[in-house]
């Protein structure tokens, strides 16, 4: 299947200038984490081939794995049909979660009985 191309100007950033970014292992298809990107983080990711995000809590850009070495090598970036969410397909160099877990999605939420 061939997908249409999207330019950064086609994307729909929220009122804070952010897009949700879902990070997926390109080999296993496991969802590793969710983070946020502003236009600068997206451009840095495109230019360097490694994931950059916007930290809402710290109010600054961060290069995933800059201190731990667990960088995310980006193989593909896709936008959803509305242009307001990105999917980063990556080769992780180590655990994606700050807890040391492979994925941030380690907790199960039980159904309400």
N, C-alpha and C. Protein backbone atom coordinates (compact mmCIF):
# COMPACT_ATOMS: atom_id res chain seq x y z
N UNK A 1 0.83 -1.18 0.00
CA UNK A 1 0.00 0.00 0.00
C UNK A 1 0.88 1.24 0.00
N UNK A 2 0.53 2.21 -0.78
CA UNK A 2 1.26 3.47 -0.84
C UNK A 2 0.49 4.52 -0.06
N UNK A 3 1.20 5.26 0.79
CA UNK A 3 0.57 6.29 1.60
C UNK A 3 0.88 7.67 1.03
N UNK A 4 -0.06 8.60 1.17
CA UNK A 4 0.22 9.97 0.70
C UNK A 4 1.30 10.61 1.57
N UNK A 5 2.04 11.53 1.00
CA UNK A 5 3.07 12.25 1.74
C UNK A 5 2.44 13.44 2.44
N UNK A 6 3.01 13.81 3.59
CA UNK A 6 2.54 14.95 4.35
C UNK A 6 3.73 15.84 4.65
N UNK A 7 3.50 17.12 4.61
CA UNK A 7 4.53 18.10 4.96
C UNK A 7 4.24 18.63 6.36
N UNK A 8 5.24 19.19 7.00
CA UNK A 8 5.06 19.70 8.36
C UNK A 8 3.96 20.76 8.40
N UNK A 9 3.81 21.54 7.33
CA UNK A 9 2.78 22.57 7.30
C UNK A 9 1.37 21.98 7.19
N UNK A 10 1.25 20.70 6.82
CA UNK A 10 -0.05 20.04 6.74
C UNK A 10 -0.52 19.52 8.09
N UNK A 11 0.37 19.49 9.08
CA UNK A 11 0.03 18.92 10.38
C UNK A 11 -0.77 19.91 11.21
N UNK A 12 -1.57 19.37 12.13
CA UNK A 12 -2.44 20.19 12.97
C UNK A 12 -1.96 20.16 14.42
N UNK A 13 -1.07 21.10 14.75
CA UNK A 13 -0.57 21.22 16.11
C UNK A 13 -1.68 21.78 17.00
N UNK A 14 -1.70 21.38 18.28
CA UNK A 14 -2.74 21.88 19.19
C UNK A 14 -2.44 23.32 19.58
N UNK A 15 -3.26 23.87 20.47
CA UNK A 15 -3.12 25.28 20.86
C UNK A 15 -1.83 25.57 21.62
N UNK A 16 -1.14 24.52 22.08
CA UNK A 16 0.18 24.69 22.72
C UNK A 16 1.31 24.48 21.72
N UNK A 17 0.95 24.18 20.45
CA UNK A 17 1.96 23.94 19.42
C UNK A 17 2.51 22.53 19.44
N UNK A 18 1.72 21.56 19.96
CA UNK A 18 2.20 20.19 20.13
C UNK A 18 1.37 19.18 19.34
N UNK A 19 2.03 18.08 19.02
CA UNK A 19 1.39 16.90 18.44
C UNK A 19 1.68 15.72 19.36
N UNK A 20 0.72 14.80 19.48
CA UNK A 20 0.97 13.55 20.18
C UNK A 20 1.83 12.68 19.28
N UNK A 21 2.83 12.03 19.86
CA UNK A 21 3.71 11.14 19.10
C UNK A 21 3.70 9.76 19.76
N UNK A 22 3.18 8.78 19.04
CA UNK A 22 3.18 7.40 19.49
C UNK A 22 4.45 6.75 18.94
N UNK A 23 5.21 6.10 19.82
CA UNK A 23 6.48 5.50 19.42
C UNK A 23 6.33 3.98 19.40
N UNK A 24 6.64 3.38 18.25
CA UNK A 24 6.44 1.95 18.03
C UNK A 24 7.74 1.31 17.55
N UNK A 25 8.07 0.15 18.11
CA UNK A 25 9.22 -0.61 17.65
C UNK A 25 8.93 -1.11 16.23
N UNK A 26 9.78 -0.80 15.29
CA UNK A 26 9.51 -1.16 13.89
C UNK A 26 9.72 -2.64 13.61
N UNK A 27 10.37 -3.36 14.51
CA UNK A 27 10.56 -4.80 14.34
C UNK A 27 9.43 -5.61 14.96
N UNK A 28 9.07 -5.27 16.20
CA UNK A 28 8.06 -6.05 16.94
C UNK A 28 6.65 -5.45 16.86
N UNK A 29 6.55 -4.19 16.45
CA UNK A 29 5.29 -3.42 16.43
C UNK A 29 4.78 -3.08 17.82
N UNK A 30 5.57 -3.34 18.86
CA UNK A 30 5.17 -3.00 20.22
C UNK A 30 5.17 -1.48 20.40
N UNK A 31 4.13 -0.95 21.05
CA UNK A 31 4.11 0.47 21.38
C UNK A 31 5.01 0.67 22.59
N UNK A 32 5.99 1.55 22.44
CA UNK A 32 6.99 1.75 23.47
C UNK A 32 6.67 2.91 24.40
N UNK A 33 6.15 3.99 23.84
CA UNK A 33 5.89 5.18 24.65
C UNK A 33 5.03 6.16 23.86
N UNK A 34 4.53 7.15 24.55
CA UNK A 34 3.82 8.27 23.94
C UNK A 34 4.47 9.53 24.48
N UNK A 35 4.73 10.48 23.61
CA UNK A 35 5.33 11.75 24.02
C UNK A 35 4.74 12.85 23.15
N UNK A 36 5.28 14.06 23.26
CA UNK A 36 4.76 15.19 22.50
C UNK A 36 5.90 15.82 21.72
N UNK A 37 5.54 16.33 20.56
CA UNK A 37 6.53 16.99 19.69
C UNK A 37 6.00 18.36 19.29
N UNK A 38 6.89 19.34 19.31
CA UNK A 38 6.57 20.61 18.68
C UNK A 38 7.26 20.61 17.32
N UNK A 39 7.11 21.67 16.55
CA UNK A 39 7.68 21.71 15.20
C UNK A 39 9.20 21.57 15.24
N UNK A 40 9.86 22.16 16.23
CA UNK A 40 11.32 22.08 16.32
C UNK A 40 11.76 20.65 16.61
N UNK A 41 11.07 19.96 17.53
CA UNK A 41 11.41 18.56 17.83
C UNK A 41 11.23 17.69 16.60
N UNK A 42 10.17 17.95 15.84
CA UNK A 42 9.94 17.17 14.63
C UNK A 42 11.05 17.42 13.61
N UNK A 43 11.44 18.67 13.43
CA UNK A 43 12.52 18.97 12.48
C UNK A 43 13.84 18.35 12.92
N UNK A 44 14.14 18.41 14.22
CA UNK A 44 15.38 17.79 14.72
C UNK A 44 15.35 16.28 14.52
N UNK A 45 14.20 15.68 14.74
CA UNK A 45 14.04 14.24 14.52
C UNK A 45 14.28 13.90 13.05
N UNK A 46 13.69 14.69 12.16
CA UNK A 46 13.87 14.45 10.72
C UNK A 46 15.33 14.62 10.32
N UNK A 47 15.98 15.64 10.87
CA UNK A 47 17.36 15.95 10.49
C UNK A 47 18.37 14.95 11.06
N UNK A 48 18.18 14.54 12.33
CA UNK A 48 19.19 13.70 12.98
C UNK A 48 18.90 12.20 12.85
N UNK A 49 17.64 11.85 12.60
CA UNK A 49 17.27 10.44 12.54
C UNK A 49 17.08 9.80 13.91
N UNK A 50 17.14 10.62 14.96
CA UNK A 50 16.87 10.15 16.31
C UNK A 50 15.74 10.99 16.90
N UNK A 51 14.97 10.38 17.81
CA UNK A 51 13.76 11.03 18.33
C UNK A 51 14.08 12.17 19.30
N UNK A 52 13.42 13.29 19.05
CA UNK A 52 13.44 14.47 19.92
C UNK A 52 11.99 14.75 20.29
N UNK A 53 11.77 15.22 21.51
CA UNK A 53 10.42 15.51 21.98
C UNK A 53 10.40 16.83 22.73
N UNK A 54 9.18 17.28 23.04
CA UNK A 54 8.98 18.46 23.88
C UNK A 54 8.52 17.97 25.24
N UNK A 55 9.24 18.33 26.27
CA UNK A 55 8.85 17.98 27.63
C UNK A 55 7.87 19.02 28.15
N UNK A 56 6.64 18.60 28.37
CA UNK A 56 5.63 19.52 28.90
C UNK A 56 5.95 19.90 30.34
N UNK A 57 6.49 18.98 31.12
CA UNK A 57 6.77 19.28 32.53
C UNK A 57 7.97 20.21 32.69
N UNK A 58 9.00 20.02 31.87
CA UNK A 58 10.20 20.86 31.97
C UNK A 58 10.16 22.07 31.04
N UNK A 59 9.24 22.04 30.07
CA UNK A 59 9.14 23.17 29.13
C UNK A 59 10.36 23.31 28.25
N UNK A 60 10.91 22.17 27.79
CA UNK A 60 12.10 22.22 26.95
C UNK A 60 12.18 20.99 26.05
N UNK A 61 13.00 21.13 25.01
CA UNK A 61 13.25 20.00 24.11
C UNK A 61 14.09 18.95 24.82
N UNK A 62 13.89 17.69 24.47
CA UNK A 62 14.77 16.64 24.97
C UNK A 62 15.02 15.60 23.90
N UNK A 63 16.26 15.19 23.86
CA UNK A 63 16.73 14.17 22.93
C UNK A 63 16.64 12.84 23.65
N UNK A 64 15.71 11.99 23.24
CA UNK A 64 15.49 10.71 23.92
C UNK A 64 16.78 9.89 23.93
N UNK A 65 17.24 9.53 25.11
CA UNK A 65 18.44 8.72 25.26
C UNK A 65 19.73 9.51 25.35
N UNK A 66 19.66 10.83 25.38
CA UNK A 66 20.88 11.64 25.43
C UNK A 66 21.72 11.32 26.66
N UNK A 67 21.09 11.05 27.79
CA UNK A 67 21.86 10.74 29.00
C UNK A 67 21.99 9.23 29.23
N UNK A 68 20.98 8.46 28.86
CA UNK A 68 21.00 7.01 29.11
C UNK A 68 21.66 6.21 28.00
N UNK A 69 21.72 6.78 26.81
CA UNK A 69 22.21 6.04 25.65
C UNK A 69 21.12 5.26 24.94
N UNK A 70 19.92 5.26 25.50
CA UNK A 70 18.80 4.51 24.93
C UNK A 70 18.06 5.34 23.88
N UNK A 71 18.79 5.71 22.84
CA UNK A 71 18.20 6.53 21.79
C UNK A 71 17.19 5.73 20.98
N UNK A 72 16.34 6.45 20.29
CA UNK A 72 15.36 5.85 19.39
C UNK A 72 15.73 6.26 17.98
N UNK A 73 16.22 5.31 17.18
CA UNK A 73 16.57 5.59 15.79
C UNK A 73 15.30 5.53 14.96
N UNK A 74 14.92 6.64 14.38
CA UNK A 74 13.64 6.74 13.67
C UNK A 74 13.79 6.23 12.25
N UNK A 75 12.98 5.24 11.91
CA UNK A 75 12.96 4.64 10.58
C UNK A 75 11.87 5.23 9.71
N UNK A 76 10.78 5.66 10.34
CA UNK A 76 9.64 6.18 9.57
C UNK A 76 8.79 7.06 10.48
N UNK A 77 8.25 8.12 9.91
CA UNK A 77 7.30 8.97 10.62
C UNK A 77 6.03 9.00 9.79
N UNK A 78 4.93 8.66 10.43
CA UNK A 78 3.62 8.71 9.77
C UNK A 78 2.72 9.67 10.54
N UNK A 79 1.84 10.34 9.82
CA UNK A 79 0.81 11.17 10.44
C UNK A 79 -0.52 10.46 10.28
N UNK A 80 -1.40 10.63 11.27
CA UNK A 80 -2.73 10.02 11.15
C UNK A 80 -3.57 10.82 10.14
N UNK A 81 -4.76 10.31 9.87
CA UNK A 81 -5.61 10.90 8.83
C UNK A 81 -6.02 12.33 9.13
N UNK A 82 -6.03 12.73 10.41
CA UNK A 82 -6.37 14.11 10.78
C UNK A 82 -5.15 15.01 10.85
N UNK A 83 -3.96 14.44 10.79
CA UNK A 83 -2.74 15.23 10.86
C UNK A 83 -2.44 15.78 12.24
N UNK A 84 -3.05 15.18 13.29
CA UNK A 84 -2.80 15.71 14.64
C UNK A 84 -2.09 14.72 15.56
N UNK A 85 -1.72 13.56 15.03
CA UNK A 85 -0.96 12.57 15.79
C UNK A 85 0.08 11.94 14.88
N UNK A 86 1.27 11.73 15.42
CA UNK A 86 2.34 11.10 14.67
C UNK A 86 2.61 9.70 15.19
N UNK A 87 3.05 8.83 14.30
CA UNK A 87 3.54 7.50 14.65
C UNK A 87 5.00 7.46 14.25
N UNK A 88 5.88 7.28 15.23
CA UNK A 88 7.30 7.13 14.97
C UNK A 88 7.63 5.65 15.05
N UNK A 89 8.06 5.09 13.95
CA UNK A 89 8.49 3.68 13.93
C UNK A 89 10.01 3.71 14.11
N UNK A 90 10.47 3.04 15.16
CA UNK A 90 11.86 3.21 15.60
C UNK A 90 12.56 1.88 15.83
N UNK A 91 13.90 1.96 15.84
CA UNK A 91 14.77 0.91 16.34
C UNK A 91 15.29 1.42 17.69
N UNK A 92 14.82 0.86 18.80
CA UNK A 92 15.30 1.34 20.11
C UNK A 92 16.68 0.79 20.43
N UNK A 93 17.54 1.62 21.03
CA UNK A 93 18.87 1.18 21.42
C UNK A 93 18.88 0.61 22.83
N UNK A 94 17.72 0.54 23.45
CA UNK A 94 17.60 0.02 24.82
C UNK A 94 16.19 0.27 25.30
N UNK A 95 15.97 0.17 26.60
CA UNK A 95 14.63 0.39 27.14
C UNK A 95 14.12 1.79 26.79
N UNK A 96 12.83 1.88 26.48
CA UNK A 96 12.24 3.18 26.15
C UNK A 96 11.76 3.92 27.39
N UNK A 97 11.42 3.19 28.43
CA UNK A 97 10.84 3.81 29.63
C UNK A 97 11.93 4.26 30.61
N UNK A 98 11.66 5.38 31.27
CA UNK A 98 12.62 5.88 32.26
C UNK A 98 12.76 4.93 33.46
N UNK A 99 11.82 3.98 33.61
CA UNK A 99 11.90 3.00 34.71
C UNK A 99 12.86 1.87 34.39
N UNK A 100 13.31 1.81 33.14
CA UNK A 100 14.18 0.72 32.70
C UNK A 100 13.42 -0.39 31.99
N UNK A 101 12.10 -0.26 31.93
CA UNK A 101 11.28 -1.24 31.21
C UNK A 101 11.38 -0.99 29.71
N UNK A 102 11.24 -2.03 28.94
CA UNK A 102 11.31 -1.92 27.48
C UNK A 102 10.27 -0.93 26.96
N UNK A 103 9.06 -0.99 27.51
CA UNK A 103 7.95 -0.13 27.11
C UNK A 103 7.40 0.59 28.33
N UNK A 104 6.85 1.76 28.11
CA UNK A 104 6.18 2.48 29.20
C UNK A 104 4.83 1.85 29.55
N UNK A 105 4.32 1.00 28.67
CA UNK A 105 3.00 0.40 28.87
C UNK A 105 3.15 -0.95 29.58
N UNK A 106 3.42 -0.87 30.89
CA UNK A 106 3.71 -2.06 31.68
C UNK A 106 2.61 -2.38 32.68
N UNK A 107 1.67 -1.48 32.86
CA UNK A 107 0.63 -1.67 33.87
C UNK A 107 -0.69 -2.07 33.18
N UNK A 108 -1.38 -3.02 33.77
CA UNK A 108 -2.68 -3.44 33.28
C UNK A 108 -3.76 -2.76 34.10
N UNK A 109 -4.75 -2.22 33.42
CA UNK A 109 -5.89 -1.59 34.09
C UNK A 109 -7.03 -2.60 34.07
N UNK A 110 -7.48 -2.98 35.24
CA UNK A 110 -8.56 -3.97 35.33
C UNK A 110 -9.89 -3.35 34.97
N UNK A 111 -10.75 -4.18 34.42
CA UNK A 111 -12.11 -3.74 34.10
C UNK A 111 -12.87 -3.53 35.40
N UNK A 112 -13.82 -2.61 35.36
CA UNK A 112 -14.70 -2.38 36.48
C UNK A 112 -15.64 -3.57 36.60
N UNK A 113 -15.70 -4.24 37.75
CA UNK A 113 -16.53 -5.46 37.87
C UNK A 113 -18.02 -5.17 37.70
